[in-house]
């Protein structure tokens, strides 16, 4: 099945037929192709693939006839390392989420600021930590001056997203009534409380979260005129020489979040901190002249390597998979100073 064309994935040409492009067979098969990556051994995905064409054509029929309804979620907890409550949709529904995402992402992504790093093409955590480190170096005049960072976290972000506000933000770029009806159906499929909340397990939730907090990004960049601001999901930092000016921003940001997005800063996760004491951001700790791994992350990597080594010896995982895991860890430590851990990983190869 051919990939959906660039003209359908991007600009103003999609608006008139956006819904029909979302539910087209080419987009549904493309959504399946993207969705299945790394999941084909999952029992529910394998079952769906056994009758792939029949299932996709049935989904297409349900969407075109307006008989599509969202099935219940299955809920479970993951530890990565923080405990998170995940709500997983059925394969049938996740293909719809992926189909919507494929068309909406290019419409919205071009309006996001450069230094937003959550769930974006070519904007991963490694780029985020590198650019924020470069900003620290610039503001400190190559570490000759003392600098500070304001670090903030939004309290219960995904649970607090207001459906009405989010819908109004999406409508600014999406004029297709049928598409908005389909999005409304997604909103109704999950509520933490009346009219609020997005499930962590949906690919659409990642995009909707960026649409929501793009309002904060624009406020910080264009109203507060902040040059060095970096965000990953609901965590963000601002770099400055002046700790007092950073402290003065907290109340303005707090007011904006509540008045415009009905969000609150986490009371225990707002601080102005000297870079000399270390800035924990995106899984790394920034210090003058260096970036290091979090101590907790380092311990977790060592523990995981020990566990997978035992699985390799027991034949539970293959040597190829074992090497792949080690290579991914080497990629992670290549972005920081961690020679002992790097040596340990290479010694296992």
Protein backbone atom coordinates (compact mmCIF):
# COMPACT_ATOMS: atom_id res chain seq x y z
CA UNK A 1 0.00 0.00 0.00
CA UNK A 2 1.40 3.39 -0.96
CA UNK A 3 2.35 5.90 1.70
CA UNK A 4 0.08 8.91 2.03
CA UNK A 5 1.34 11.80 -0.07
CA UNK A 6 3.10 14.85 1.31
CA UNK A 7 0.29 17.10 0.06
CA UNK A 8 -2.18 15.22 2.23
CA UNK A 9 0.08 15.17 5.30
CA UNK A 10 0.95 18.82 5.48
CA UNK A 11 -0.53 22.18 4.80
CA UNK A 12 -3.78 23.87 3.86
CA UNK A 13 -4.66 21.40 1.10
CA UNK A 14 -5.91 18.85 3.62
CA UNK A 15 -8.61 20.92 5.30
CA UNK A 16 -11.45 20.38 2.83
CA UNK A 17 -11.11 16.59 2.79
CA UNK A 18 -9.25 16.00 6.05
CA UNK A 19 -11.73 13.47 7.46
CA UNK A 20 -11.82 11.46 4.24
CA UNK A 21 -8.03 11.48 4.08
CA UNK A 22 -7.85 10.24 7.68
CA UNK A 23 -10.21 7.32 7.08
CA UNK A 24 -8.95 6.47 3.57
CA UNK A 25 -7.75 2.91 3.04
CA UNK A 26 -4.26 4.13 2.12
CA UNK A 27 -4.00 6.03 5.41
CA UNK A 28 -5.44 3.15 7.47
CA UNK A 29 -2.94 0.70 5.96
CA UNK A 30 -0.18 3.27 6.50
CA UNK A 31 -1.30 3.67 10.10
CA UNK A 32 -1.16 -0.11 10.56
CA UNK A 33 2.36 -0.20 9.10
CA UNK A 34 3.58 2.42 11.58
CA UNK A 35 1.62 1.02 14.51
CA UNK A 36 2.88 -2.56 14.17
CA UNK A 37 6.58 -1.68 14.46
CA UNK A 38 8.03 -3.59 17.39
CA UNK A 39 4.62 -5.04 18.32
CA UNK A 40 4.08 -7.96 15.92
CA UNK A 41 4.82 -10.56 18.61
CA UNK A 42 2.10 -9.16 20.87
CA UNK A 43 -0.86 -11.55 20.98
CA UNK A 44 -3.54 -8.95 20.16
CA UNK A 45 -1.48 -7.50 17.29
CA UNK A 46 -0.77 -10.98 15.87
CA UNK A 47 -4.48 -11.85 16.00
CA UNK A 48 -5.37 -8.66 14.14
CA UNK A 49 -2.74 -9.37 11.48
CA UNK A 50 -4.09 -12.88 10.82
CA UNK A 51 -7.06 -11.27 9.04
CA UNK A 52 -5.43 -7.94 8.30
CA UNK A 53 -7.26 -6.92 5.15
CA UNK A 54 -10.66 -7.99 6.47
CA UNK A 55 -10.04 -6.05 9.70
CA UNK A 56 -8.85 -2.89 7.93
CA UNK A 57 -11.76 -2.99 5.48
CA UNK A 58 -14.19 -3.46 8.40
CA UNK A 59 -12.63 -0.50 10.18
CA UNK A 60 -12.95 1.55 6.99
CA UNK A 61 -16.60 0.56 6.68
CA UNK A 62 -17.31 1.47 10.31
CA UNK A 63 -15.66 4.88 9.88
CA UNK A 64 -17.34 5.74 6.57
CA UNK A 65 -20.78 4.64 7.80
CA UNK A 66 -20.25 6.57 11.09
CA UNK A 67 -20.76 3.33 13.07
CA UNK A 68 -17.29 3.41 14.56
CA UNK A 69 -17.21 3.45 18.36
CA UNK A 70 -14.22 3.37 20.69
CA UNK A 71 -13.79 0.19 22.72
CA UNK A 72 -12.93 0.19 26.44
CA UNK A 73 -9.32 0.58 27.54
CA UNK A 74 -7.31 -2.01 29.44
CA UNK A 75 -5.46 -0.42 32.37
CA UNK A 76 -2.16 -1.43 33.94
CA UNK A 77 0.87 0.08 35.67
CA UNK A 78 4.41 0.46 34.35
CA UNK A 79 7.55 1.54 36.17
CA UNK A 80 9.93 3.58 34.00
CA UNK A 81 11.14 4.09 36.77
CA UNK A 82 8.23 6.21 38.04
CA UNK A 83 4.93 4.39 38.51
CA UNK A 84 2.54 5.29 35.69
CA UNK A 85 -1.04 4.27 35.09
CA UNK A 86 -1.33 3.30 31.42
CA UNK A 87 -4.61 2.86 29.55
CA UNK A 88 -4.18 0.77 26.41
CA UNK A 89 -6.76 0.90 23.64
CA UNK A 90 -7.60 -2.08 21.43
CA UNK A 91 -5.58 -2.66 18.25
CA UNK A 92 -8.67 -1.61 16.27
CA UNK A 93 -8.76 1.75 18.06
CA UNK A 94 -5.01 2.30 18.09
CA UNK A 95 -4.99 2.15 14.29
CA UNK A 96 -7.58 4.94 14.28
CA UNK A 97 -5.41 6.94 16.69
CA UNK A 98 -2.41 6.41 14.41
CA UNK A 99 -4.44 7.38 11.34
CA UNK A 100 -5.51 10.65 13.00
CA UNK A 101 -1.98 11.32 14.20
CA UNK A 102 -0.52 10.86 10.70
CA UNK A 103 -2.66 13.69 9.33
CA UNK A 104 -2.73 16.06 12.30
CA UNK A 105 0.95 15.92 13.29
CA UNK A 106 2.30 17.85 10.25
CA UNK A 107 -0.48 20.43 10.56
CA UNK A 108 0.51 21.31 14.14
CA UNK A 109 4.20 20.47 14.41
CA UNK A 110 5.32 23.35 12.19
CA UNK A 111 3.75 25.77 14.70
CA UNK A 112 5.64 24.37 17.71
CA UNK A 113 8.78 26.06 19.04
CA UNK A 114 12.13 24.45 18.25
CA UNK A 115 12.95 23.67 21.88
CA UNK A 116 9.96 21.43 22.57
CA UNK A 117 11.27 17.87 22.67
CA UNK A 118 8.50 15.43 23.55
CA UNK A 119 7.19 13.03 20.85
CA UNK A 120 8.48 14.97 17.85
CA UNK A 121 10.40 13.88 14.77
CA UNK A 122 14.12 14.76 15.07
CA UNK A 123 13.51 16.33 18.49
CA UNK A 124 14.50 13.66 20.99
CA UNK A 125 15.85 13.92 24.52
CA UNK A 126 19.48 13.82 23.36
CA UNK A 127 19.06 16.95 21.22
CA UNK A 128 17.18 18.59 24.08
CA UNK A 129 19.88 18.01 26.67
CA UNK A 130 22.62 19.05 24.21
CA UNK A 131 20.90 22.33 23.33
CA UNK A 132 20.09 23.16 26.95
CA UNK A 133 23.73 22.43 27.90
CA UNK A 134 24.95 24.73 25.11
CA UNK A 135 22.58 27.42 26.43
CA UNK A 136 24.07 27.07 29.92
CA UNK A 137 27.56 27.41 28.48
CA UNK A 138 26.60 30.52 26.48
CA UNK A 139 24.85 32.29 29.37
CA UNK A 140 27.76 31.52 31.72
CA UNK A 141 30.26 32.83 29.15
CA UNK A 142 31.90 29.41 28.91
CA UNK A 143 31.40 28.73 32.64
CA UNK A 144 33.07 31.95 33.79
CA UNK A 145 29.87 33.33 35.35
CA UNK A 146 27.46 31.83 37.84
CA UNK A 147 24.13 30.92 36.25
CA UNK A 148 20.81 29.53 37.43
CA UNK A 149 17.99 27.46 36.06
CA UNK A 150 14.29 27.65 36.85
CA UNK A 151 12.95 24.10 36.73
CA UNK A 152 9.18 23.45 36.77
CA UNK A 153 6.77 20.55 36.48
CA UNK A 154 3.02 20.66 35.79
CA UNK A 155 0.97 18.84 38.43
CA UNK A 156 -0.99 15.79 37.15
CA UNK A 157 -0.70 17.10 33.60
CA UNK A 158 -2.43 14.40 31.53
CA UNK A 159 -5.22 13.99 34.08
CA UNK A 160 -5.84 17.76 34.10
CA UNK A 161 -6.07 18.49 30.36
CA UNK A 162 -9.42 20.19 29.75
CA UNK A 163 -11.25 18.74 26.72
CA UNK A 164 -13.11 21.97 25.92
CA UNK A 165 -9.89 24.04 25.93
CA UNK A 166 -8.02 21.40 23.92
CA UNK A 167 -10.82 21.21 21.38
CA UNK A 168 -10.79 24.98 20.89
CA UNK A 169 -7.02 24.88 20.30
CA UNK A 170 -7.36 22.12 17.70
CA UNK A 171 -10.18 23.98 15.96
CA UNK A 172 -7.83 26.92 15.33
CA UNK A 173 -6.02 24.76 12.76
CA UNK A 174 -8.65 22.14 11.85
CA UNK A 175 -11.81 23.41 10.18
CA UNK A 176 -13.17 19.99 9.20
CA UNK A 177 -16.37 19.30 11.17
CA UNK A 178 -16.27 15.52 10.66
CA UNK A 179 -12.68 15.35 11.89
CA UNK A 180 -13.65 17.26 15.02
CA UNK A 181 -16.52 14.81 15.60
CA UNK A 182 -14.04 11.95 15.45
CA UNK A 183 -11.74 13.75 17.89
CA UNK A 184 -14.71 14.33 20.20
CA UNK A 185 -15.29 10.58 20.15
CA UNK A 186 -11.68 10.07 21.33
CA UNK A 187 -12.20 12.59 24.11
CA UNK A 188 -15.35 10.79 25.29
CA UNK A 189 -13.49 7.46 25.32
CA UNK A 190 -11.53 8.54 28.41
CA UNK A 191 -12.19 10.96 31.25
CA UNK A 192 -10.30 11.19 34.53
CA UNK A 193 -13.09 13.46 35.67
CA UNK A 194 -15.92 15.11 33.74
CA UNK A 195 -14.46 16.75 30.62
CA UNK A 196 -10.84 16.24 31.68
CA UNK A 197 -7.95 13.88 31.10
CA UNK A 198 -6.08 12.04 28.35
CA UNK A 199 -4.84 8.42 28.54
CA UNK A 200 -1.06 8.00 28.62
CA UNK A 201 -1.09 5.10 26.16
CA UNK A 202 -2.42 6.87 23.04
CA UNK A 203 -0.22 8.28 20.28
CA UNK A 204 -2.84 11.03 19.86
CA UNK A 205 -2.40 11.96 23.53
CA UNK A 206 1.24 12.82 22.85
CA UNK A 207 0.27 15.19 20.05
CA UNK A 208 -2.65 16.67 22.00
CA UNK A 209 -0.33 17.30 24.96
CA UNK A 210 2.03 19.29 22.72
CA UNK A 211 -0.86 21.27 21.24
CA UNK A 212 -2.03 22.09 24.77
CA UNK A 213 1.34 23.17 26.15
CA UNK A 214 2.31 25.00 22.99
CA UNK A 215 0.21 27.79 24.49
CA UNK A 216 2.67 27.95 27.40
CA UNK A 217 5.62 27.79 24.98
CA UNK A 218 4.31 30.76 22.99
CA UNK A 219 3.62 32.73 26.18
CA UNK A 220 7.13 32.15 27.53
CA UNK A 221 8.86 32.90 24.23
CA UNK A 222 6.78 35.83 22.94
CA UNK A 223 5.19 37.46 26.00
CA UNK A 224 7.87 36.85 28.62
CA UNK A 225 10.56 37.15 25.89
CA UNK A 226 12.61 34.26 27.27
CA UNK A 227 15.43 33.14 24.99
CA UNK A 228 16.63 29.99 26.75
CA UNK A 229 13.52 27.92 27.46
CA UNK A 230 13.34 24.14 26.95
CA UNK A 231 10.37 21.80 27.45
CA UNK A 232 9.84 18.06 27.44
CA UNK A 233 6.18 17.15 27.99
CA UNK A 234 5.22 18.81 31.32
CA UNK A 235 8.82 19.46 32.50
CA UNK A 236 10.51 22.70 31.47
CA UNK A 237 13.56 24.79 32.34
CA UNK A 238 14.63 28.42 31.83
CA UNK A 239 18.30 29.44 31.92
CA UNK A 240 19.46 32.86 33.18
CA UNK A 241 22.28 34.68 34.97
CA UNK A 242 19.79 36.34 37.31
CA UNK A 243 18.19 34.09 39.94
CA UNK A 244 15.85 36.89 41.07
CA UNK A 245 14.41 37.35 37.59
CA UNK A 246 13.82 33.60 37.40
CA UNK A 247 12.01 33.65 40.74
CA UNK A 248 9.89 36.52 39.44
CA UNK A 249 8.73 34.41 36.49
CA UNK A 250 7.17 31.70 38.63
CA UNK A 251 4.00 33.57 39.54
CA UNK A 252 3.44 34.82 35.99
CA UNK A 253 3.77 31.30 34.62
CA UNK A 254 1.54 29.94 37.38
CA UNK A 255 -1.17 32.48 36.60
CA UNK A 256 -0.99 31.85 32.85
CA UNK A 257 -1.28 28.07 33.28
CA UNK A 258 -4.32 28.31 35.54
CA UNK A 259 -6.18 31.10 33.74
CA UNK A 260 -5.64 29.78 30.21
CA UNK A 261 -5.17 26.01 30.55
CA UNK A 262 -6.59 25.15 33.99
CA UNK A 263 -3.25 23.66 34.98
CA UNK A 264 -1.16 24.00 38.14
CA UNK A 265 2.56 23.91 38.78
CA UNK A 266 3.59 21.04 41.05
CA UNK A 267 4.20 22.71 44.44
CA UNK A 268 7.16 20.45 45.24
CA UNK A 269 8.81 20.56 41.82
CA UNK A 270 9.44 24.25 41.23
CA UNK A 271 12.92 25.53 42.05
CA UNK A 272 15.60 27.98 41.02
CA UNK A 273 18.92 26.14 41.19
CA UNK A 274 22.55 26.95 40.47
CA UNK A 275 24.03 24.91 37.64
CA UNK A 276 27.00 24.21 39.94
CA UNK A 277 24.65 22.04 42.02
CA UNK A 278 23.55 20.10 38.95
CA UNK A 279 20.42 20.44 36.80
CA UNK A 280 18.44 17.22 36.40
CA UNK A 281 16.72 17.34 33.00
CA UNK A 282 15.80 14.78 30.32
CA UNK A 283 17.43 11.89 32.16
CA UNK A 284 20.82 13.59 32.53
CA UNK A 285 22.41 16.01 35.01
CA UNK A 286 24.03 19.16 33.63
CA UNK A 287 27.07 20.53 35.47
CA UNK A 288 29.70 23.10 34.46
CA UNK A 289 31.85 21.54 31.71
CA UNK A 290 30.01 18.20 31.67
CA UNK A 291 26.82 16.20 31.36
CA UNK A 292 26.47 13.06 33.48
CA UNK A 293 23.86 10.36 33.89
CA UNK A 294 21.50 10.46 36.85
CA UNK A 295 22.84 8.18 39.60
CA UNK A 296 19.50 6.37 39.66
CA UNK A 297 19.62 5.84 35.88
CA UNK A 298 23.17 4.48 36.10
CA UNK A 299 22.12 1.98 38.77
CA UNK A 300 19.10 0.95 36.71
CA UNK A 301 21.25 0.35 33.61
CA UNK A 302 23.68 -1.82 35.59
CA UNK A 303 20.80 -3.79 37.09
CA UNK A 304 19.18 -4.30 33.68
CA UNK A 305 22.46 -5.46 32.12
CA UNK A 306 22.85 -8.00 34.90
CA UNK A 307 19.29 -9.27 34.32
CA UNK A 308 19.59 -9.57 30.55
CA UNK A 309 22.98 -11.28 30.93
CA UNK A 310 21.26 -13.97 33.00
CA UNK A 311 18.49 -14.25 30.40
CA UNK A 312 21.11 -14.66 27.67
CA UNK A 313 22.82 -17.49 29.58
CA UNK A 314 19.43 -19.16 30.14
CA UNK A 315 18.52 -18.86 26.47
CA UNK A 316 15.50 -16.62 27.20
CA UNK A 317 16.79 -13.92 24.84
CA UNK A 318 18.93 -14.27 21.73
CA UNK A 319 22.51 -12.95 21.37
CA UNK A 320 21.21 -10.54 18.69
CA UNK A 321 18.64 -9.02 21.05
CA UNK A 322 21.25 -8.87 23.82
CA UNK A 323 23.63 -6.94 21.54
CA UNK A 324 20.83 -4.62 20.50
CA UNK A 325 20.09 -3.71 24.12
CA UNK A 326 23.78 -3.06 24.81
CA UNK A 327 24.07 -0.87 21.71
CA UNK A 328 21.06 1.20 22.85
CA UNK A 329 22.73 1.72 26.25
CA UNK A 330 25.98 2.74 24.55
CA UNK A 331 24.00 5.28 22.55
CA UNK A 332 22.58 6.71 25.77
CA UNK A 333 25.96 7.06 27.52
CA UNK A 334 27.58 8.54 24.38
CA UNK A 335 25.81 11.81 25.19
CA UNK A 336 27.40 12.23 28.60
CA UNK A 337 30.52 11.58 30.64
CA UNK A 338 30.25 8.05 31.99
CA UNK A 339 33.47 6.21 31.17
CA UNK A 340 33.14 3.49 33.79
CA UNK A 341 29.62 2.58 32.67
CA UNK A 342 30.64 2.72 29.01
CA UNK A 343 33.59 0.39 29.73
CA UNK A 344 31.29 -1.98 31.64
CA UNK A 345 28.82 -2.15 28.72
CA UNK A 346 31.56 -2.69 26.11
CA UNK A 347 33.06 -5.42 28.28
CA UNK A 348 29.76 -7.31 28.05
CA UNK A 349 29.73 -7.31 24.23
